[in-house]
């Protein structure tokens, strides 16, 4: 039971990160430095998983 719950939490966290990345990519204006850094960090994290 615990392993299913743990897997579910991991997937929810990954989905949350993907939604955040999607919103950053969708912005039309140039991103501020902190958002650009976050975008790069999310891309690296999601690609390494």
N, C-alpha and C. Protein backbone atom coordinates (compact mmCIF):
# COMPACT_ATOMS: atom_id res chain seq x y z
N UNK A 1 0.83 -1.20 0.00
CA UNK A 1 0.00 0.00 0.00
C UNK A 1 0.87 1.26 0.00
N UNK A 2 1.91 1.26 0.86
CA UNK A 2 2.78 2.42 0.96
C UNK A 2 3.50 2.69 -0.35
N UNK A 3 3.92 1.65 -1.04
CA UNK A 3 4.65 1.86 -2.30
C UNK A 3 3.74 2.50 -3.36
N UNK A 4 2.47 2.15 -3.36
CA UNK A 4 1.53 2.76 -4.30
C UNK A 4 1.36 4.23 -3.98
N UNK A 5 1.22 4.55 -2.70
CA UNK A 5 1.06 5.94 -2.26
C UNK A 5 2.31 6.76 -2.60
N UNK A 6 3.47 6.18 -2.38
CA UNK A 6 4.73 6.86 -2.67
C UNK A 6 4.84 7.13 -4.18
N UNK A 7 4.50 6.14 -4.98
CA UNK A 7 4.54 6.31 -6.43
C UNK A 7 3.56 7.41 -6.86
N UNK A 8 2.39 7.44 -6.27
CA UNK A 8 1.38 8.45 -6.58
C UNK A 8 1.91 9.85 -6.25
N UNK A 9 2.56 10.00 -5.12
CA UNK A 9 3.11 11.31 -4.74
C UNK A 9 4.22 11.75 -5.68
N UNK A 10 5.04 10.82 -6.10
CA UNK A 10 6.12 11.13 -7.05
C UNK A 10 5.53 11.59 -8.37
N UNK A 11 4.51 10.91 -8.83
CA UNK A 11 3.89 11.28 -10.10
C UNK A 11 3.19 12.64 -10.00
N UNK A 12 2.56 12.93 -8.89
CA UNK A 12 1.91 14.23 -8.71
C UNK A 12 2.94 15.35 -8.70
N UNK A 13 4.09 15.11 -8.06
CA UNK A 13 5.15 16.11 -8.03
C UNK A 13 5.70 16.34 -9.44
N UNK A 14 5.89 15.28 -10.19
CA UNK A 14 6.39 15.40 -11.57
C UNK A 14 5.39 16.16 -12.44
N UNK A 15 4.12 15.87 -12.29
CA UNK A 15 3.09 16.56 -13.05
C UNK A 15 3.06 18.05 -12.70
N UNK A 16 3.23 18.35 -11.44
CA UNK A 16 3.25 19.75 -11.00
C UNK A 16 4.43 20.49 -11.63
N UNK A 17 5.58 19.85 -11.67
CA UNK A 17 6.76 20.46 -12.29
C UNK A 17 6.54 20.66 -13.79
N UNK A 18 5.90 19.69 -14.41
CA UNK A 18 5.64 19.80 -15.85
C UNK A 18 4.67 20.94 -16.15
N UNK A 19 3.67 21.12 -15.31
CA UNK A 19 2.72 22.22 -15.51
C UNK A 19 3.42 23.57 -15.34
N UNK A 20 4.30 23.67 -14.35
CA UNK A 20 5.05 24.90 -14.15
C UNK A 20 5.95 25.19 -15.34
N UNK A 21 6.64 24.18 -15.82
CA UNK A 21 7.50 24.34 -16.98
C UNK A 21 6.69 24.75 -18.20
N UNK A 22 5.54 24.14 -18.38
CA UNK A 22 4.67 24.48 -19.50
C UNK A 22 4.26 25.95 -19.45
N UNK A 23 3.94 26.44 -18.26
CA UNK A 23 3.54 27.85 -18.14
C UNK A 23 4.71 28.78 -18.43
N UNK A 24 5.93 28.39 -18.06
CA UNK A 24 7.10 29.22 -18.34
C UNK A 24 7.40 29.23 -19.84
N UNK A 25 7.26 28.09 -20.48
CA UNK A 25 7.53 28.00 -21.91
C UNK A 25 6.49 28.79 -22.70
N UNK A 26 5.26 28.82 -22.23
CA UNK A 26 4.16 29.46 -22.95
C UNK A 26 4.21 30.98 -22.91
N UNK A 27 4.98 31.56 -22.00
CA UNK A 27 5.04 33.01 -21.90
C UNK A 27 5.64 33.61 -23.16
N UNK A 28 5.01 34.67 -23.65
CA UNK A 28 5.45 35.31 -24.88
C UNK A 28 6.60 36.29 -24.64
N UNK A 29 6.55 37.00 -23.54
CA UNK A 29 7.59 37.99 -23.23
C UNK A 29 8.87 37.30 -22.80
N UNK A 30 10.00 37.99 -22.93
CA UNK A 30 11.25 37.44 -22.40
C UNK A 30 11.13 37.21 -20.89
N UNK A 31 11.66 36.09 -20.44
CA UNK A 31 11.57 35.76 -19.02
C UNK A 31 12.61 36.51 -18.22
N UNK A 32 12.25 36.92 -17.00
CA UNK A 32 13.28 37.47 -16.10
C UNK A 32 14.32 36.39 -15.79
N UNK A 33 15.46 36.80 -15.31
CA UNK A 33 16.55 35.86 -15.06
C UNK A 33 16.15 34.72 -14.14
N UNK A 34 15.39 35.03 -13.07
CA UNK A 34 15.03 33.97 -12.12
C UNK A 34 14.07 32.96 -12.74
N UNK A 35 13.19 33.40 -13.62
CA UNK A 35 12.28 32.45 -14.30
C UNK A 35 13.04 31.63 -15.34
N UNK A 36 13.99 32.24 -16.02
CA UNK A 36 14.80 31.51 -16.98
C UNK A 36 15.63 30.43 -16.28
N UNK A 37 16.19 30.77 -15.11
CA UNK A 37 16.95 29.80 -14.33
C UNK A 37 16.06 28.66 -13.86
N UNK A 38 14.85 28.99 -13.42
CA UNK A 38 13.90 27.96 -12.99
C UNK A 38 13.53 27.05 -14.15
N UNK A 39 13.31 27.63 -15.32
CA UNK A 39 12.97 26.85 -16.50
C UNK A 39 14.08 25.86 -16.83
N UNK A 40 15.32 26.33 -16.83
CA UNK A 40 16.45 25.44 -17.11
C UNK A 40 16.57 24.35 -16.06
N UNK A 41 16.36 24.70 -14.80
CA UNK A 41 16.45 23.71 -13.71
C UNK A 41 15.36 22.65 -13.86
N UNK A 42 14.15 23.06 -14.19
CA UNK A 42 13.06 22.11 -14.37
C UNK A 42 13.32 21.19 -15.56
N UNK A 43 13.82 21.75 -16.64
CA UNK A 43 14.13 20.93 -17.82
C UNK A 43 15.17 19.88 -17.46
N UNK A 44 16.23 20.29 -16.79
CA UNK A 44 17.28 19.36 -16.40
C UNK A 44 16.73 18.27 -15.47
N UNK A 45 15.91 18.66 -14.51
CA UNK A 45 15.36 17.71 -13.54
C UNK A 45 14.44 16.71 -14.23
N UNK A 46 13.56 17.22 -15.08
CA UNK A 46 12.61 16.32 -15.73
C UNK A 46 13.27 15.41 -16.75
N UNK A 47 14.32 15.88 -17.39
CA UNK A 47 15.02 15.04 -18.37
C UNK A 47 15.88 13.97 -17.71
N UNK A 48 16.33 14.22 -16.50
CA UNK A 48 17.18 13.25 -15.82
C UNK A 48 16.39 12.16 -15.12
N UNK A 49 15.11 12.37 -14.90
CA UNK A 49 14.28 11.37 -14.20
C UNK A 49 13.88 10.25 -15.10
